[in-house]
């Protein structure tokens, strides 16, 4: 699942390549990911529009055109690819936009993503877009603001981190990474955290996401679509070795989501 660091880099790469490019054709290859608009309208309305910029917004990416915004929530398996030559769509391709410089493909092997073409700045009909918290890397999210927001949420701390109403942009993978770095078990109740642990959690969130962003910033857009997260310390490494203490990494699966943690490092 693309999370904040991936979407930040994807937005930067697309801005570099497509900003100022004009959309010549739009093709929907699978209508299942198109929401809030008829397929024909989705294909017609963006034609002739010029890409202004691309930006991440939590787990969404917003593609700003002249009169419209194309907003995509990639969910678990949605990815983006830029190609300079035409190719035949595959069964995982959901839609493509051909510009005067390259073709942007959105593909999704589980077809869980959602794409919306909305009037510029109007996100009222986009599921899950409103009432979210600030970005996890927003400079305005100070420690004090973080503490205040954290007090409003209950439950296991990993679930709180993944709750977009708390802060936006953190998903399953980076929640595991942050909690390892903070030394906190993912199953701890938020209410059991001490003040010192809350500070560690905030610092871990900033450190881990910034580190990942730096790593990903060296990678090509198409490389980000391979789900290659070779830099992860603990997520998806069940049965492996903890990079901090050398102990065994534990794994629990619930509701199709894996949680990885170290019983030695995390308390």
C-alpha atoms as a PDB file:
ATOM      1  CA  UNK A   1       0.000   0.000   0.000  1.00  0.00           C
ATOM      2  CA  UNK A   2       1.503   3.369  -0.933  1.00  0.00           C
ATOM      3  CA  UNK A   3       1.769   5.522   2.153  1.00  0.00           C
ATOM      4  CA  UNK A   4       2.834   9.115   2.690  1.00  0.00           C
ATOM      5  CA  UNK A   5       6.543   8.746   1.747  1.00  0.00           C
ATOM      6  CA  UNK A   6       5.772   6.852  -1.479  1.00  0.00           C
ATOM      7  CA  UNK A   7       3.036   9.271  -2.510  1.00  0.00           C
ATOM      8  CA  UNK A   8       5.290  12.255  -1.777  1.00  0.00           C
ATOM      9  CA  UNK A   9       7.941  10.904  -4.152  1.00  0.00           C
ATOM     10  CA  UNK A  10       5.374   9.815  -6.751  1.00  0.00           C
ATOM     11  CA  UNK A  11       3.879  13.320  -6.741  1.00  0.00           C
ATOM     12  CA  UNK A  12       7.337  14.855  -7.166  1.00  0.00           C
ATOM     13  CA  UNK A  13       8.206  12.533 -10.054  1.00  0.00           C
ATOM     14  CA  UNK A  14       4.916  13.182 -11.837  1.00  0.00           C
ATOM     15  CA  UNK A  15       5.275  16.927 -11.382  1.00  0.00           C
ATOM     16  CA  UNK A  16       8.764  16.771 -12.890  1.00  0.00           C
ATOM     17  CA  UNK A  17       7.589  14.764 -15.904  1.00  0.00           C
ATOM     18  CA  UNK A  18       4.029  15.905 -16.562  1.00  0.00           C
ATOM     19  CA  UNK A  19       3.605  19.434 -15.232  1.00  0.00           C
ATOM     20  CA  UNK A  20       2.636  21.613 -18.192  1.00  0.00           C
ATOM     21  CA  UNK A  21       1.666  18.604 -20.350  1.00  0.00           C
ATOM     22  CA  UNK A  22      -1.737  18.529 -22.026  1.00  0.00           C
ATOM     23  CA  UNK A  23      -4.037  15.503 -21.785  1.00  0.00           C
ATOM     24  CA  UNK A  24      -4.770  14.211 -25.289  1.00  0.00           C
ATOM     25  CA  UNK A  25      -6.752  11.049 -24.560  1.00  0.00           C
ATOM     26  CA  UNK A  26      -8.139   9.277 -21.508  1.00  0.00           C
ATOM     27  CA  UNK A  27      -9.015   5.580 -21.584  1.00  0.00           C
ATOM     28  CA  UNK A  28     -10.789   3.646 -18.826  1.00  0.00           C
ATOM     29  CA  UNK A  29      -9.762  -0.013 -19.012  1.00  0.00           C
ATOM     30  CA  UNK A  30     -11.765  -1.082 -15.951  1.00  0.00           C
ATOM     31  CA  UNK A  31     -14.696   1.000 -14.742  1.00  0.00           C
ATOM     32  CA  UNK A  32     -14.625  -0.520 -11.248  1.00  0.00           C
ATOM     33  CA  UNK A  33     -12.152   2.053  -9.881  1.00  0.00           C
ATOM     34  CA  UNK A  34     -14.005   5.081 -11.294  1.00  0.00           C
ATOM     35  CA  UNK A  35     -16.268   6.712  -8.711  1.00  0.00           C
ATOM     36  CA  UNK A  36     -18.711   9.613  -8.668  1.00  0.00           C
ATOM     37  CA  UNK A  37     -18.802  10.067 -12.441  1.00  0.00           C
ATOM     38  CA  UNK A  38     -19.842   8.062 -15.492  1.00  0.00           C
ATOM     39  CA  UNK A  39     -17.012   6.365 -17.344  1.00  0.00           C
ATOM     40  CA  UNK A  40     -17.694   8.299 -20.525  1.00  0.00           C
ATOM     41  CA  UNK A  41     -17.551  11.622 -18.696  1.00  0.00           C
ATOM     42  CA  UNK A  42     -14.329  10.594 -16.975  1.00  0.00           C
ATOM     43  CA  UNK A  43     -12.792   9.923 -20.386  1.00  0.00           C
ATOM     44  CA  UNK A  44     -14.054  13.153 -21.959  1.00  0.00           C
ATOM     45  CA  UNK A  45     -13.742  15.894 -19.351  1.00  0.00           C
ATOM     46  CA  UNK A  46      -9.977  15.801 -18.822  1.00  0.00           C
ATOM     47  CA  UNK A  47      -9.114  15.886 -22.520  1.00  0.00           C
ATOM     48  CA  UNK A  48      -7.494  19.212 -23.405  1.00  0.00           C
ATOM     49  CA  UNK A  49      -6.729  19.963 -19.764  1.00  0.00           C
ATOM     50  CA  UNK A  50      -3.156  20.720 -18.690  1.00  0.00           C
ATOM     51  CA  UNK A  51      -1.476  19.136 -15.675  1.00  0.00           C
ATOM     52  CA  UNK A  52      -0.555  21.912 -13.245  1.00  0.00           C
ATOM     53  CA  UNK A  53       0.938  19.922 -10.398  1.00  0.00           C
ATOM     54  CA  UNK A  54       0.682  16.748  -8.327  1.00  0.00           C
ATOM     55  CA  UNK A  55       0.574  16.530  -4.541  1.00  0.00           C
ATOM     56  CA  UNK A  56       0.091  13.877  -1.873  1.00  0.00           C
ATOM     57  CA  UNK A  57      -2.760  14.293   0.576  1.00  0.00           C
ATOM     58  CA  UNK A  58      -2.511  11.581   3.195  1.00  0.00           C
ATOM     59  CA  UNK A  59      -3.101   8.335   1.299  1.00  0.00           C
ATOM     60  CA  UNK A  60      -4.500  10.166  -1.727  1.00  0.00           C
ATOM     61  CA  UNK A  61      -2.661  11.743  -4.626  1.00  0.00           C
ATOM     62  CA  UNK A  62      -4.199  14.887  -6.118  1.00  0.00           C
ATOM     63  CA  UNK A  63      -3.484  15.625  -9.775  1.00  0.00           C
ATOM     64  CA  UNK A  64      -4.334  19.255 -10.444  1.00  0.00           C
ATOM     65  CA  UNK A  65      -5.569  20.119 -13.945  1.00  0.00           C
ATOM     66  CA  UNK A  66      -7.016  23.395 -15.251  1.00  0.00           C
ATOM     67  CA  UNK A  67     -10.657  22.987 -14.232  1.00  0.00           C
ATOM     68  CA  UNK A  68     -10.587  19.583 -12.552  1.00  0.00           C
ATOM     69  CA  UNK A  69      -8.674  17.582  -9.974  1.00  0.00           C
ATOM     70  CA  UNK A  70      -8.058  13.899 -10.561  1.00  0.00           C
ATOM     71  CA  UNK A  71      -7.895  12.360  -7.087  1.00  0.00           C
ATOM     72  CA  UNK A  72      -6.731   8.767  -6.627  1.00  0.00           C
ATOM     73  CA  UNK A  73      -6.735   6.626  -3.516  1.00  0.00           C
ATOM     74  CA  UNK A  74      -4.495   3.665  -4.489  1.00  0.00           C
ATOM     75  CA  UNK A  75      -5.615   1.569  -1.509  1.00  0.00           C
ATOM     76  CA  UNK A  76      -3.645  -1.697  -1.190  1.00  0.00           C
ATOM     77  CA  UNK A  77      -2.265  -2.374  -4.657  1.00  0.00           C
ATOM     78  CA  UNK A  78      -2.788   0.714  -6.829  1.00  0.00           C
ATOM     79  CA  UNK A  79       0.361   1.942  -8.571  1.00  0.00           C
ATOM     80  CA  UNK A  80       1.434   4.461 -11.226  1.00  0.00           C
ATOM     81  CA  UNK A  81       3.705   4.055 -14.218  1.00  0.00           C
ATOM     82  CA  UNK A  82       4.900   6.485 -16.899  1.00  0.00           C
ATOM     83  CA  UNK A  83       5.646   5.174 -20.381  1.00  0.00           C
ATOM     84  CA  UNK A  84       6.777   7.074 -23.444  1.00  0.00           C
ATOM     85  CA  UNK A  85       5.566   4.483 -25.970  1.00  0.00           C
ATOM     86  CA  UNK A  86       2.106   2.984 -26.418  1.00  0.00           C
ATOM     87  CA  UNK A  87       1.321  -0.527 -25.227  1.00  0.00           C
ATOM     88  CA  UNK A  88      -1.709  -2.777 -25.044  1.00  0.00           C
ATOM     89  CA  UNK A  89      -3.547  -2.607 -21.687  1.00  0.00           C
ATOM     90  CA  UNK A  90      -3.267  -5.612 -19.394  1.00  0.00           C
ATOM     91  CA  UNK A  91      -5.932  -6.964 -17.049  1.00  0.00           C
ATOM     92  CA  UNK A  92      -4.445  -4.983 -14.151  1.00  0.00           C
ATOM     93  CA  UNK A  93      -4.542  -1.625 -15.973  1.00  0.00           C
ATOM     94  CA  UNK A  94      -7.429   0.515 -14.739  1.00  0.00           C
ATOM     95  CA  UNK A  95      -7.049   3.706 -16.778  1.00  0.00           C
ATOM     96  CA  UNK A  96      -4.467   5.665 -18.743  1.00  0.00           C
ATOM     97  CA  UNK A  97      -3.965   9.308 -19.667  1.00  0.00           C
ATOM     98  CA  UNK A  98      -1.900  10.064 -22.758  1.00  0.00           C
ATOM     99  CA  UNK A  99      -0.283  13.485 -22.850  1.00  0.00           C
ATOM    100  CA  UNK A 100       1.947  15.192 -25.388  1.00  0.00           C
ATOM    101  CA  UNK A 101       5.015  13.870 -23.552  1.00  0.00           C
ATOM    102  CA  UNK A 102       4.143  10.457 -22.021  1.00  0.00           C
ATOM    103  CA  UNK A 103       1.305   8.182 -20.947  1.00  0.00           C
ATOM    104  CA  UNK A 104       0.375   7.864 -17.282  1.00  0.00           C
ATOM    105  CA  UNK A 105      -0.959   4.417 -16.389  1.00  0.00           C
ATOM    106  CA  UNK A 106      -2.795   3.539 -13.192  1.00  0.00           C
ATOM    107  CA  UNK A 107      -2.802  -0.190 -12.535  1.00  0.00           C
ATOM    108  CA  UNK A 108      -4.245  -2.139  -9.614  1.00  0.00           C
ATOM    109  CA  UNK A 109      -4.041  -5.928  -9.386  1.00  0.00           C
ATOM    110  CA  UNK A 110      -6.807  -6.143  -6.752  1.00  0.00           C
ATOM    111  CA  UNK A 111      -8.940  -3.344  -8.235  1.00  0.00           C
ATOM    112  CA  UNK A 112      -9.491  -1.802  -4.816  1.00  0.00           C
ATOM    113  CA  UNK A 113      -8.398   1.759  -5.613  1.00  0.00           C
ATOM    114  CA  UNK A 114     -10.719   4.693  -6.201  1.00  0.00           C
ATOM    115  CA  UNK A 115     -10.376   7.482  -8.749  1.00  0.00           C
ATOM    116  CA  UNK A 116     -12.428  10.669  -8.824  1.00  0.00           C
ATOM    117  CA  UNK A 117     -12.495  13.476 -11.380  1.00  0.00           C
ATOM    118  CA  UNK A 118     -13.964  16.449  -9.522  1.00  0.00           C
ATOM    119  CA  UNK A 119     -14.319  20.197 -10.076  1.00  0.00           C
ATOM    120  CA  UNK A 120     -11.133  21.885  -8.928  1.00  0.00           C
ATOM    121  CA  UNK A 121     -10.919  22.015  -5.144  1.00  0.00           C
ATOM    122  CA  UNK A 122     -14.266  20.265  -4.530  1.00  0.00           C
ATOM    123  CA  UNK A 123     -13.533  17.092  -2.548  1.00  0.00           C
ATOM    124  CA  UNK A 124     -16.926  16.813  -0.846  1.00  0.00           C
ATOM    125  CA  UNK A 125     -17.933  13.597  -2.638  1.00  0.00           C
ATOM    126  CA  UNK A 126     -14.650  11.749  -2.183  1.00  0.00           C
ATOM    127  CA  UNK A 127     -14.964   8.897   0.313  1.00  0.00           C
ATOM    128  CA  UNK A 128     -12.650   9.251   3.293  1.00  0.00           C
ATOM    129  CA  UNK A 129     -11.264  12.640   2.263  1.00  0.00           C
ATOM    130  CA  UNK A 130     -12.926  14.906   4.812  1.00  0.00           C
ATOM    131  CA  UNK A 131     -12.383  15.099   8.580  1.00  0.00           C
ATOM    132  CA  UNK A 132      -8.836  13.761   8.464  1.00  0.00           C
ATOM    133  CA  UNK A 133      -5.994  14.930  10.640  1.00  0.00           C
ATOM    134  CA  UNK A 134      -2.876  16.801   9.540  1.00  0.00           C
ATOM    135  CA  UNK A 135      -0.154  15.075   7.552  1.00  0.00           C
ATOM    136  CA  UNK A 136       2.239  13.058   9.693  1.00  0.00           C
ATOM    137  CA  UNK A 137       5.091  15.176   8.275  1.00  0.00           C
ATOM    138  CA  UNK A 138       3.331  18.533   8.444  1.00  0.00           C
ATOM    139  CA  UNK A 139       5.698  21.056  10.132  1.00  0.00           C
ATOM    140  CA  UNK A 140       2.661  22.418  11.976  1.00  0.00           C
ATOM    141  CA  UNK A 141       2.233  19.037  13.697  1.00  0.00           C
ATOM    142  CA  UNK A 142       4.370  19.908  16.697  1.00  0.00           C
ATOM    143  CA  UNK A 143       4.834  17.638  19.697  1.00  0.00           C
ATOM    144  CA  UNK A 144       2.182  19.542  21.628  1.00  0.00           C
ATOM    145  CA  UNK A 145      -0.318  19.296  18.781  1.00  0.00           C
ATOM    146  CA  UNK A 146       0.519  15.596  18.455  1.00  0.00           C
ATOM    147  CA  UNK A 147      -0.116  15.034  22.177  1.00  0.00           C
ATOM    148  CA  UNK A 148      -3.413  16.898  22.046  1.00  0.00           C
ATOM    149  CA  UNK A 149      -4.646  14.895  19.076  1.00  0.00           C
ATOM    150  CA  UNK A 150      -3.466  11.610  20.597  1.00  0.00           C
ATOM    151  CA  UNK A 151      -5.590  12.190  23.722  1.00  0.00           C
ATOM    152  CA  UNK A 152      -8.743  12.147  21.583  1.00  0.00           C
ATOM    153  CA  UNK A 153      -8.230   8.567  20.393  1.00  0.00           C
ATOM    154  CA  UNK A 154      -8.619   5.251  22.152  1.00  0.00           C
ATOM    155  CA  UNK A 155      -7.664   1.690  21.387  1.00  0.00           C
ATOM    156  CA  UNK A 156      -4.469  -0.090  20.409  1.00  0.00           C
ATOM    157  CA  UNK A 157      -1.700   2.315  19.503  1.00  0.00           C
ATOM    158  CA  UNK A 158      -1.051   0.787  16.076  1.00  0.00           C
ATOM    159  CA  UNK A 159      -4.688   1.305  15.136  1.00  0.00           C
ATOM    160  CA  UNK A 160      -4.475   4.891  16.338  1.00  0.00           C
ATOM    161  CA  UNK A 161      -1.424   5.534  14.153  1.00  0.00           C
ATOM    162  CA  UNK A 162      -3.279   4.133  11.138  1.00  0.00           C
ATOM    163  CA  UNK A 163      -6.392   6.189  11.865  1.00  0.00           C
ATOM    164  CA  UNK A 164      -6.420   8.991   9.291  1.00  0.00           C
ATOM    165  CA  UNK A 165      -8.533  11.124  11.634  1.00  0.00           C
ATOM    166  CA  UNK A 166      -5.548  11.206  13.984  1.00  0.00           C
ATOM    167  CA  UNK A 167      -2.847  11.987  11.425  1.00  0.00           C
ATOM    168  CA  UNK A 168      -2.955  11.167   7.742  1.00  0.00           C
ATOM    169  CA  UNK A 169      -0.513   9.222   5.650  1.00  0.00           C
ATOM    170  CA  UNK A 170       0.525   6.321   7.924  1.00  0.00           C
ATOM    171  CA  UNK A 171      -0.541   2.819   6.967  1.00  0.00           C
ATOM    172  CA  UNK A 172       0.147  -0.704   8.139  1.00  0.00           C
ATOM    173  CA  UNK A 173       3.813  -0.957   7.133  1.00  0.00           C
ATOM    174  CA  UNK A 174       5.112   2.301   8.568  1.00  0.00           C
ATOM    175  CA  UNK A 175       3.063   1.928  11.734  1.00  0.00           C
ATOM    176  CA  UNK A 176       5.114  -1.221  12.451  1.00  0.00           C
ATOM    177  CA  UNK A 177       8.353   0.602  11.647  1.00  0.00           C
ATOM    178  CA  UNK A 178       7.502   3.581  13.856  1.00  0.00           C
ATOM    179  CA  UNK A 179       6.529   1.412  16.809  1.00  0.00           C
ATOM    180  CA  UNK A 180       9.745  -0.614  16.618  1.00  0.00           C
ATOM    181  CA  UNK A 181      11.784   2.585  16.599  1.00  0.00           C
ATOM    182  CA  UNK A 182       9.754   3.927  19.533  1.00  0.00           C
ATOM    183  CA  UNK A 183      10.076   0.658  21.485  1.00  0.00           C
ATOM    184  CA  UNK A 184       6.307   0.318  21.920  1.00  0.00           C
ATOM    185  CA  UNK A 185       4.290  -2.861  21.346  1.00  0.00           C
ATOM    186  CA  UNK A 186       1.584  -2.364  18.693  1.00  0.00           C
ATOM    187  CA  UNK A 187      -1.081  -3.887  20.951  1.00  0.00           C
ATOM    188  CA  UNK A 188      -0.603  -1.410  23.804  1.00  0.00           C
ATOM    189  CA  UNK A 189      -3.651   0.698  24.604  1.00  0.00           C
ATOM    190  CA  UNK A 190      -3.094   4.368  23.892  1.00  0.00           C
ATOM    191  CA  UNK A 191      -4.143   5.180  27.458  1.00  0.00           C
ATOM    192  CA  UNK A 192      -1.234   3.132  28.892  1.00  0.00           C
ATOM    193  CA  UNK A 193       1.477   5.246  27.233  1.00  0.00           C
ATOM    194  CA  UNK A 194       3.561   7.416  29.533  1.00  0.00           C
ATOM    195  CA  UNK A 195       4.489  10.990  28.636  1.00  0.00           C
ATOM    196  CA  UNK A 196       8.004   9.813  27.800  1.00  0.00           C
ATOM    197  CA  UNK A 197       6.647   7.127  25.488  1.00  0.00           C
ATOM    198  CA  UNK A 198       4.449   9.654  23.684  1.00  0.00           C
ATOM    199  CA  UNK A 199       7.546  11.785  23.044  1.00  0.00           C
ATOM    200  CA  UNK A 200       9.370   8.703  21.706  1.00  0.00           C
ATOM    201  CA  UNK A 201       6.407   7.903  19.482  1.00  0.00           C
ATOM    202  CA  UNK A 202       6.349  11.394  17.997  1.00  0.00           C
ATOM    203  CA  UNK A 203      10.104  11.422  17.405  1.00  0.00           C
ATOM    204  CA  UNK A 204       9.979   7.923  15.892  1.00  0.00           C
ATOM    205  CA  UNK A 205       7.194   8.958  13.532  1.00  0.00           C
ATOM    206  CA  UNK A 206       9.202  11.909  12.253  1.00  0.00           C
ATOM    207  CA  UNK A 207      12.496  10.004  12.069  1.00  0.00           C
ATOM    208  CA  UNK A 208      11.162   6.916  10.295  1.00  0.00           C
ATOM    209  CA  UNK A 209       9.044   8.762   7.721  1.00  0.00           C
ATOM    210  CA  UNK A 210      11.821  11.263   6.968  1.00  0.00           C
ATOM    211  CA  UNK A 211      14.372   8.442   6.579  1.00  0.00           C
ATOM    212  CA  UNK A 212      12.084   6.527   4.223  1.00  0.00           C
ATOM    213  CA  UNK A 213      11.380   9.666   2.221  1.00  0.00           C
ATOM    214  CA  UNK A 214      15.116  10.211   1.758  1.00  0.00           C
ATOM    215  CA  UNK A 215      15.602   6.616   0.590  1.00  0.00           C
ATOM    216  CA  UNK A 216      12.693   6.712  -1.847  1.00  0.00           C
ATOM    217  CA  UNK A 217      13.695  10.086  -3.270  1.00  0.00           C
ATOM    218  CA  UNK A 218      16.559   8.364  -5.114  1.00  0.00           C
ATOM    219  CA  UNK A 219      14.261   5.899  -6.890  1.00  0.00           C
ATOM    220  CA  UNK A 220      12.542   6.070 -10.245  1.00  0.00           C
ATOM    221  CA  UNK A 221       8.755   6.322 -10.458  1.00  0.00           C
ATOM    222  CA  UNK A 222       8.392   2.924 -12.119  1.00  0.00           C
ATOM    223  CA  UNK A 223      10.583   1.364  -9.414  1.00  0.00           C
ATOM    224  CA  UNK A 224       8.109   2.557  -6.784  1.00  0.00           C
ATOM    225  CA  UNK A 225       5.478   0.407  -8.445  1.00  0.00           C
ATOM    226  CA  UNK A 226       7.317  -2.838  -7.702  1.00  0.00           C
ATOM    227  CA  UNK A 227       6.436  -2.768  -3.981  1.00  0.00           C
ATOM    228  CA  UNK A 228      10.142  -3.139  -3.271  1.00  0.00           C
ATOM    229  CA  UNK A 229      10.522  -2.071   0.354  1.00  0.00           C
ATOM    230  CA  UNK A 230      13.936  -3.536   1.011  1.00  0.00           C
ATOM    231  CA  UNK A 231      14.660  -0.806   3.558  1.00  0.00           C
ATOM    232  CA  UNK A 232      11.983  -1.858   6.069  1.00  0.00           C
ATOM    233  CA  UNK A 233      13.344  -2.840   9.468  1.00  0.00           C
ATOM    234  CA  UNK A 234      10.583  -5.133  10.682  1.00  0.00           C
ATOM    235  CA  UNK A 235       7.383  -5.082   8.623  1.00  0.00           C
ATOM    236  CA  UNK A 236       6.889  -8.257   6.560  1.00  0.00           C
ATOM    237  CA  UNK A 237       9.934  -9.801   8.235  1.00  0.00           C
ATOM    238  CA  UNK A 238       8.131 -12.294  10.450  1.00  0.00           C
ATOM    239  CA  UNK A 239      10.478 -15.048  11.644  1.00  0.00           C
ATOM    240  CA  UNK A 240      13.486 -12.977  10.683  1.00  0.00           C
ATOM    241  CA  UNK A 241      16.001 -11.150  12.829  1.00  0.00           C
ATOM    242  CA  UNK A 242      15.268  -7.861  14.578  1.00  0.00           C
ATOM    243  CA  UNK A 243      17.790  -5.300  13.277  1.00  0.00           C
ATOM    244  CA  UNK A 244      18.035  -3.654  16.695  1.00  0.00           C
ATOM    245  CA  UNK A 245      18.629  -6.598  19.044  1.00  0.00           C
ATOM    246  CA  UNK A 246      19.068  -9.677  16.853  1.00  0.00           C
ATOM    247  CA  UNK A 247      15.990 -11.356  18.336  1.00  0.00           C
ATOM    248  CA  UNK A 248      13.224 -13.062  16.402  1.00  0.00           C
ATOM    249  CA  UNK A 249      10.559 -10.925  14.709  1.00  0.00           C
ATOM    250  CA  UNK A 250       7.030 -11.989  15.673  1.00  0.00           C
ATOM    251  CA  UNK A 251       4.054 -11.832  13.324  1.00  0.00           C
ATOM    252  CA  UNK A 252       0.298 -11.677  13.858  1.00  0.00           C
ATOM    253  CA  UNK A 253      -2.289 -11.489  11.063  1.00  0.00           C
ATOM    254  CA  UNK A 254      -5.744 -10.023  11.653  1.00  0.00           C
ATOM    255  CA  UNK A 255      -8.272  -8.792   9.079  1.00  0.00           C
ATOM    256  CA  UNK A 256      -5.750  -9.517   6.295  1.00  0.00           C
ATOM    257  CA  UNK A 257      -3.203  -7.121   7.822  1.00  0.00           C
ATOM    258  CA  UNK A 258       0.134  -8.299   9.167  1.00  0.00           C
ATOM    259  CA  UNK A 259       1.634  -6.871  12.334  1.00  0.00           C
ATOM    260  CA  UNK A 260       5.329  -7.457  12.978  1.00  0.00           C
ATOM    261  CA  UNK A 261       7.085  -6.633  16.231  1.00  0.00           C
ATOM    262  CA  UNK A 262       9.979  -7.553  18.499  1.00  0.00           C
ATOM    263  CA  UNK A 263       9.081  -8.823  21.955  1.00  0.00           C
ATOM    264  CA  UNK A 264      12.519  -7.813  23.221  1.00  0.00           C
ATOM    265  CA  UNK A 265      12.724  -4.241  21.912  1.00  0.00           C
ATOM    266  CA  UNK A 266       9.061  -3.319  22.272  1.00  0.00           C
ATOM    267  CA  UNK A 267       7.286  -3.106  25.606  1.00  0.00           C
END
